[in-house]
Amino acid sequence: MQEQLEQIKDRAANLFDDEADGRNAGIGQAENMIAFAAAIGCTFMVRQGLQLGWKAALKRDPPKNPTSHEVEWREALLWGAVSGAIVGAARIASRRASSSAYRSMRSVS
């Protein structure tokens, strides 16, 4: 039983080990998980904001399925370009900001 507890502790320690995992040079697993969670949250919030902004500016809902034949090409391309660019930039910014905050927190400890 004690051996199993030690194995669980080792696995947990390895999960939050700050060593790079090879996929993102210089970014440990814990930092990567935090950045991923921040990017998901940011993506959700930005998409909600984009939808509200689209409604306010154009007085109609944004296209739910831009590939639908019922959506005009102009509207589909505009929604795709605007939402893709803004969501992409927000995801990158949130990942960088969360990584920076994580590294600052680690350097203080």
N, C-alpha and C. Protein backbone atom coordinates (compact mmCIF):
# COMPACT_ATOMS: atom_id res chain seq x y z
N MET A 1 0.83 -1.19 0.00
CA MET A 1 0.00 0.00 0.00
C MET A 1 0.88 1.26 0.00
N GLN A 2 1.90 1.28 0.80
CA GLN A 2 2.82 2.41 0.88
C GLN A 2 3.52 2.61 -0.47
N GLU A 3 3.87 1.51 -1.11
CA GLU A 3 4.55 1.58 -2.40
C GLU A 3 3.62 2.20 -3.47
N GLN A 4 2.36 1.82 -3.44
CA GLN A 4 1.39 2.38 -4.38
C GLN A 4 1.20 3.88 -4.14
N LEU A 5 1.18 4.28 -2.89
CA LEU A 5 1.06 5.70 -2.56
C LEU A 5 2.27 6.47 -3.08
N GLU A 6 3.43 5.92 -2.95
CA GLU A 6 4.65 6.57 -3.46
C GLU A 6 4.60 6.68 -4.99
N GLN A 7 4.11 5.64 -5.65
CA GLN A 7 3.99 5.68 -7.11
C GLN A 7 3.02 6.78 -7.55
N ILE A 8 1.92 6.92 -6.83
CA ILE A 8 0.94 7.97 -7.15
C ILE A 8 1.56 9.35 -6.95
N LYS A 9 2.31 9.50 -5.87
CA LYS A 9 2.99 10.78 -5.62
C LYS A 9 3.98 11.10 -6.72
N ASP A 10 4.74 10.07 -7.15
CA ASP A 10 5.72 10.28 -8.22
C ASP A 10 5.04 10.69 -9.52
N ARG A 11 3.93 10.03 -9.84
CA ARG A 11 3.20 10.38 -11.06
C ARG A 11 2.68 11.81 -10.99
N ALA A 12 2.15 12.19 -9.84
CA ALA A 12 1.64 13.56 -9.67
C ALA A 12 2.78 14.57 -9.80
N ALA A 13 3.92 14.25 -9.21
CA ALA A 13 5.08 15.15 -9.30
C ALA A 13 5.54 15.27 -10.75
N ASN A 14 5.54 14.16 -11.47
CA ASN A 14 5.94 14.19 -12.87
C ASN A 14 4.96 14.96 -13.74
N LEU A 15 3.69 14.91 -13.37
CA LEU A 15 2.67 15.62 -14.13
C LEU A 15 2.93 17.12 -14.09
N PHE A 16 3.35 17.63 -12.94
CA PHE A 16 3.60 19.06 -12.80
C PHE A 16 5.07 19.40 -12.84
N ASP A 17 5.87 18.49 -13.39
CA ASP A 17 7.29 18.73 -13.56
C ASP A 17 7.46 19.86 -14.56
N ASP A 18 8.40 20.71 -14.33
CA ASP A 18 8.57 21.88 -15.19
C ASP A 18 9.54 21.63 -16.34
N GLU A 19 9.85 20.39 -16.63
CA GLU A 19 10.74 20.09 -17.74
C GLU A 19 9.97 20.15 -19.05
N ALA A 20 10.66 20.57 -20.09
CA ALA A 20 10.02 20.61 -21.41
C ALA A 20 9.67 19.21 -21.86
N ASP A 21 8.54 19.08 -22.55
CA ASP A 21 8.10 17.76 -22.97
C ASP A 21 8.45 17.44 -24.42
N GLY A 22 9.17 18.31 -25.10
CA GLY A 22 9.61 18.05 -26.46
C GLY A 22 8.70 18.67 -27.52
N ARG A 23 7.44 18.88 -27.21
CA ARG A 23 6.53 19.45 -28.19
C ARG A 23 6.70 20.96 -28.27
N ASN A 24 6.83 21.59 -27.15
CA ASN A 24 7.00 23.05 -27.08
C ASN A 24 8.30 23.31 -26.33
N ALA A 25 9.34 23.57 -27.07
CA ALA A 25 10.66 23.73 -26.46
C ALA A 25 10.63 24.80 -25.37
N GLY A 26 11.12 24.44 -24.20
CA GLY A 26 11.23 25.37 -23.09
C GLY A 26 9.97 25.53 -22.26
N ILE A 27 8.90 24.82 -22.60
CA ILE A 27 7.65 24.94 -21.86
C ILE A 27 7.35 23.60 -21.20
N GLY A 28 7.25 23.60 -19.88
CA GLY A 28 6.95 22.39 -19.13
C GLY A 28 5.49 22.00 -19.24
N GLN A 29 5.16 20.81 -18.76
CA GLN A 29 3.80 20.30 -18.86
C GLN A 29 2.81 21.13 -18.06
N ALA A 30 3.18 21.53 -16.86
CA ALA A 30 2.26 22.32 -16.03
C ALA A 30 1.98 23.67 -16.70
N GLU A 31 3.02 24.30 -17.18
CA GLU A 31 2.86 25.59 -17.86
C GLU A 31 2.00 25.42 -19.11
N ASN A 32 2.20 24.34 -19.83
CA ASN A 32 1.43 24.08 -21.04
C ASN A 32 -0.04 23.85 -20.71
N MET A 33 -0.33 23.12 -19.64
CA MET A 33 -1.72 22.86 -19.26
C MET A 33 -2.43 24.16 -18.85
N ILE A 34 -1.73 24.99 -18.10
CA ILE A 34 -2.31 26.27 -17.67
C ILE A 34 -2.56 27.17 -18.88
N ALA A 35 -1.60 27.21 -19.80
CA ALA A 35 -1.76 28.03 -21.00
C ALA A 35 -2.91 27.51 -21.87
N PHE A 36 -3.05 26.19 -21.95
CA PHE A 36 -4.14 25.59 -22.72
C PHE A 36 -5.50 25.95 -22.12
N ALA A 37 -5.61 25.85 -20.81
CA ALA A 37 -6.87 26.19 -20.13
C ALA A 37 -7.20 27.67 -20.33
N ALA A 38 -6.19 28.52 -20.24
CA ALA A 38 -6.42 29.95 -20.45
C ALA A 38 -6.87 30.22 -21.88
N ALA A 39 -6.29 29.53 -22.84
CA ALA A 39 -6.66 29.72 -24.25
C ALA A 39 -8.10 29.28 -24.50
N ILE A 40 -8.52 28.19 -23.88
CA ILE A 40 -9.90 27.73 -24.06
C ILE A 40 -10.88 28.76 -23.49
N GLY A 41 -10.60 29.23 -22.29
CA GLY A 41 -11.47 30.23 -21.67
C GLY A 41 -11.52 31.51 -22.48
N CYS A 42 -10.38 31.95 -22.94
CA CYS A 42 -10.30 33.18 -23.72
C CYS A 42 -11.05 33.02 -25.04
N THR A 43 -10.89 31.87 -25.68
CA THR A 43 -11.58 31.62 -26.94
C THR A 43 -13.09 31.71 -26.76
N PHE A 44 -13.59 31.10 -25.70
CA PHE A 44 -15.03 31.15 -25.44
C PHE A 44 -15.50 32.59 -25.26
N MET A 45 -14.80 33.35 -24.45
CA MET A 45 -15.21 34.73 -24.18
C MET A 45 -15.13 35.60 -25.44
N VAL A 46 -14.07 35.45 -26.22
CA VAL A 46 -13.90 36.26 -27.42
C VAL A 46 -14.98 35.93 -28.44
N ARG A 47 -15.29 34.65 -28.61
CA ARG A 47 -16.35 34.27 -29.57
C ARG A 47 -17.70 34.86 -29.15
N GLN A 48 -17.98 34.83 -27.84
CA GLN A 48 -19.23 35.43 -27.36
C GLN A 48 -19.25 36.93 -27.67
N GLY A 49 -18.13 37.59 -27.43
CA GLY A 49 -18.03 39.02 -27.72
C GLY A 49 -18.17 39.32 -29.21
N LEU A 50 -17.58 38.48 -30.05
CA LEU A 50 -17.71 38.66 -31.50
C LEU A 50 -19.17 38.52 -31.94
N GLN A 51 -19.84 37.54 -31.40
CA GLN A 51 -21.24 37.34 -31.76
C GLN A 51 -22.10 38.54 -31.34
N LEU A 52 -21.85 39.06 -30.15
CA LEU A 52 -22.59 40.25 -29.69
C LEU A 52 -22.25 41.46 -30.56
N GLY A 53 -20.99 41.62 -30.91
CA GLY A 53 -20.58 42.73 -31.75
C GLY A 53 -21.19 42.65 -33.15
N TRP A 54 -21.25 41.45 -33.70
CA TRP A 54 -21.86 41.23 -35.01
C TRP A 54 -23.33 41.64 -34.97
N LYS A 55 -24.01 41.18 -33.90
CA LYS A 55 -25.44 41.51 -33.74
C LYS A 55 -25.63 43.03 -33.63
N ALA A 56 -24.80 43.68 -32.85
CA ALA A 56 -24.93 45.12 -32.64
C ALA A 56 -24.65 45.89 -33.93
N ALA A 57 -23.64 45.47 -34.67
CA ALA A 57 -23.25 46.21 -35.87
C ALA A 57 -24.18 45.94 -37.05
N LEU A 58 -24.60 44.70 -37.23
CA LEU A 58 -25.36 44.35 -38.43
C LEU A 58 -26.83 44.05 -38.17
N LYS A 59 -27.24 44.12 -36.91
CA LYS A 59 -28.64 43.91 -36.51
C LYS A 59 -29.18 42.53 -36.93
N ARG A 60 -28.30 41.53 -36.95
CA ARG A 60 -28.71 40.15 -37.21
C ARG A 60 -27.68 39.20 -36.61
N ASP A 61 -28.07 37.96 -36.41
CA ASP A 61 -27.17 36.97 -35.84
C ASP A 61 -26.05 36.63 -36.82
N PRO A 62 -24.87 36.31 -36.31
CA PRO A 62 -23.80 35.85 -37.20
C PRO A 62 -24.18 34.47 -37.75
N PRO A 63 -23.59 34.08 -38.87
CA PRO A 63 -23.94 32.78 -39.43
C PRO A 63 -23.51 31.65 -38.50
N LYS A 64 -24.45 30.75 -38.20
CA LYS A 64 -24.12 29.60 -37.35
C LYS A 64 -23.29 28.58 -38.12
N ASN A 65 -23.57 28.44 -39.40
CA ASN A 65 -22.84 27.52 -40.26
C ASN A 65 -22.47 28.26 -41.54
N PRO A 66 -21.29 28.88 -41.57
CA PRO A 66 -20.91 29.65 -42.76
C PRO A 66 -20.82 28.82 -44.04
N THR A 67 -20.74 27.50 -43.94
CA THR A 67 -20.66 26.66 -45.14
C THR A 67 -22.03 26.34 -45.73
N SER A 68 -23.08 26.75 -45.04
CA SER A 68 -24.44 26.49 -45.52
C SER A 68 -24.71 27.28 -46.79
N HIS A 69 -25.47 26.68 -47.69
CA HIS A 69 -25.83 27.37 -48.94
C HIS A 69 -26.83 28.50 -48.70
N GLU A 70 -27.41 28.55 -47.52
CA GLU A 70 -28.35 29.62 -47.19
C GLU A 70 -27.62 30.91 -46.78
N VAL A 71 -26.33 30.80 -46.49
CA VAL A 71 -25.53 31.97 -46.09
C VAL A 71 -24.84 32.52 -47.33
N GLU A 72 -24.93 33.84 -47.52
CA GLU A 72 -24.27 34.47 -48.67
C GLU A 72 -22.75 34.35 -48.54
N TRP A 73 -22.07 34.25 -49.68
CA TRP A 73 -20.62 34.13 -49.70
C TRP A 73 -19.96 35.28 -48.95
N ARG A 74 -20.42 36.48 -49.23
CA ARG A 74 -19.82 37.66 -48.62
C ARG A 74 -19.88 37.58 -47.10
N GLU A 75 -21.05 37.22 -46.58
CA GLU A 75 -21.23 37.12 -45.13
C GLU A 75 -20.40 35.98 -44.53
N ALA A 76 -20.37 34.85 -45.23
CA ALA A 76 -19.60 33.69 -44.74
C ALA A 76 -18.11 34.01 -44.68
N LEU A 77 -17.60 34.64 -45.73
CA LEU A 77 -16.17 34.98 -45.76
C LEU A 77 -15.83 36.06 -44.73
N LEU A 78 -16.70 37.03 -44.58
CA LEU A 78 -16.47 38.09 -43.60
C LEU A 78 -16.44 37.51 -42.18
N TRP A 79 -17.42 36.67 -41.85
CA TRP A 79 -17.45 36.06 -40.52
C TRP A 79 -16.22 35.18 -40.30
N GLY A 80 -15.86 34.39 -41.29
CA GLY A 80 -14.69 33.51 -41.17
C GLY A 80 -13.40 34.28 -40.96
N ALA A 81 -13.22 35.33 -41.73
CA ALA A 81 -12.00 36.12 -41.63
C ALA A 81 -11.91 36.86 -40.30
N VAL A 82 -12.99 37.52 -39.93
CA VAL A 82 -13.00 38.31 -38.70
C VAL A 82 -12.86 37.40 -37.48
N SER A 83 -13.71 36.38 -37.40
CA SER A 83 -13.67 35.52 -36.21
C SER A 83 -12.36 34.72 -36.14
N GLY A 84 -11.88 34.26 -37.28
CA GLY A 84 -10.62 33.50 -37.27
C GLY A 84 -9.43 34.34 -36.81
N ALA A 85 -9.34 35.53 -37.34
CA ALA A 85 -8.21 36.40 -36.99
C ALA A 85 -8.26 36.83 -35.53
N ILE A 86 -9.43 37.25 -35.08
CA ILE A 86 -9.53 37.76 -33.71
C ILE A 86 -9.40 36.63 -32.69
N VAL A 87 -10.06 35.50 -32.93
CA VAL A 87 -9.94 34.38 -31.99
C VAL A 87 -8.51 33.84 -31.98
N GLY A 88 -7.89 33.73 -33.14
CA GLY A 88 -6.51 33.26 -33.20
C GLY A 88 -5.55 34.16 -32.44
N ALA A 89 -5.68 35.45 -32.64
CA ALA A 89 -4.82 36.41 -31.92
C ALA A 89 -5.07 36.35 -30.42
N ALA A 90 -6.34 36.23 -30.02
CA ALA A 90 -6.66 36.16 -28.59
C ALA A 90 -6.10 34.90 -27.95
N ARG A 91 -6.16 33.78 -28.66
CA ARG A 91 -5.60 32.53 -28.13
C ARG A 91 -4.09 32.65 -27.92
N ILE A 92 -3.41 33.22 -28.88
CA ILE A 92 -1.96 33.38 -28.76
C ILE A 92 -1.64 34.32 -27.59
N ALA A 93 -2.36 35.42 -27.50
CA ALA A 93 -2.12 36.39 -26.43
C ALA A 93 -2.39 35.76 -25.06
N SER A 94 -3.46 34.98 -24.95
CA SER A 94 -3.78 34.37 -23.65
C SER A 94 -2.74 33.33 -23.26
N ARG A 95 -2.27 32.55 -24.22
CA ARG A 95 -1.23 31.55 -23.92
C ARG A 95 0.07 32.23 -23.48
N ARG A 96 0.44 33.27 -24.18
CA ARG A 96 1.68 33.98 -23.82
C ARG A 96 1.56 34.66 -22.46
N ALA A 97 0.41 35.27 -22.21
CA ALA A 97 0.21 35.96 -20.93
C ALA A 97 0.19 34.96 -19.77
N SER A 98 -0.47 33.83 -19.95
CA SER A 98 -0.53 32.84 -18.87
C SER A 98 0.84 32.21 -18.64
N SER A 99 1.60 31.98 -19.71
CA SER A 99 2.95 31.44 -19.56
C SER A 99 3.85 32.44 -18.84
N SER A 100 3.71 33.71 -19.18
CA SER A 100 4.50 34.74 -18.53
C SER A 100 4.16 34.84 -17.04
N ALA A 101 2.87 34.78 -16.72
CA ALA A 101 2.44 34.82 -15.32
C ALA A 101 2.94 33.59 -14.57
N TYR A 102 2.88 32.43 -15.21
CA TYR A 102 3.35 31.19 -14.58
C TYR A 102 4.85 31.28 -14.29
N ARG A 103 5.61 31.77 -15.25
CA ARG A 103 7.07 31.88 -15.05
C ARG A 103 7.41 32.91 -13.95
N SER A 104 6.64 33.99 -13.90
CA SER A 104 6.85 34.98 -12.83
C SER A 104 6.56 34.38 -11.47
N MET A 105 5.47 33.61 -11.39
CA MET A 105 5.11 32.96 -10.14
C MET A 105 6.18 31.94 -9.73
N ARG A 106 6.70 31.19 -10.69
CA ARG A 106 7.72 30.18 -10.39
C ARG A 106 9.02 30.83 -9.93
N SER A 107 9.36 31.99 -10.47
CA SER A 107 10.62 32.63 -10.11
C SER A 107 10.55 33.24 -8.70
N VAL A 108 9.35 33.60 -8.24
CA VAL A 108 9.17 34.15 -6.91
C VAL A 108 9.28 33.06 -5.85
N SER A 109 8.76 31.88 -6.18
CA SER A 109 8.75 30.77 -5.20
C SER A 109 10.10 30.26 -4.86
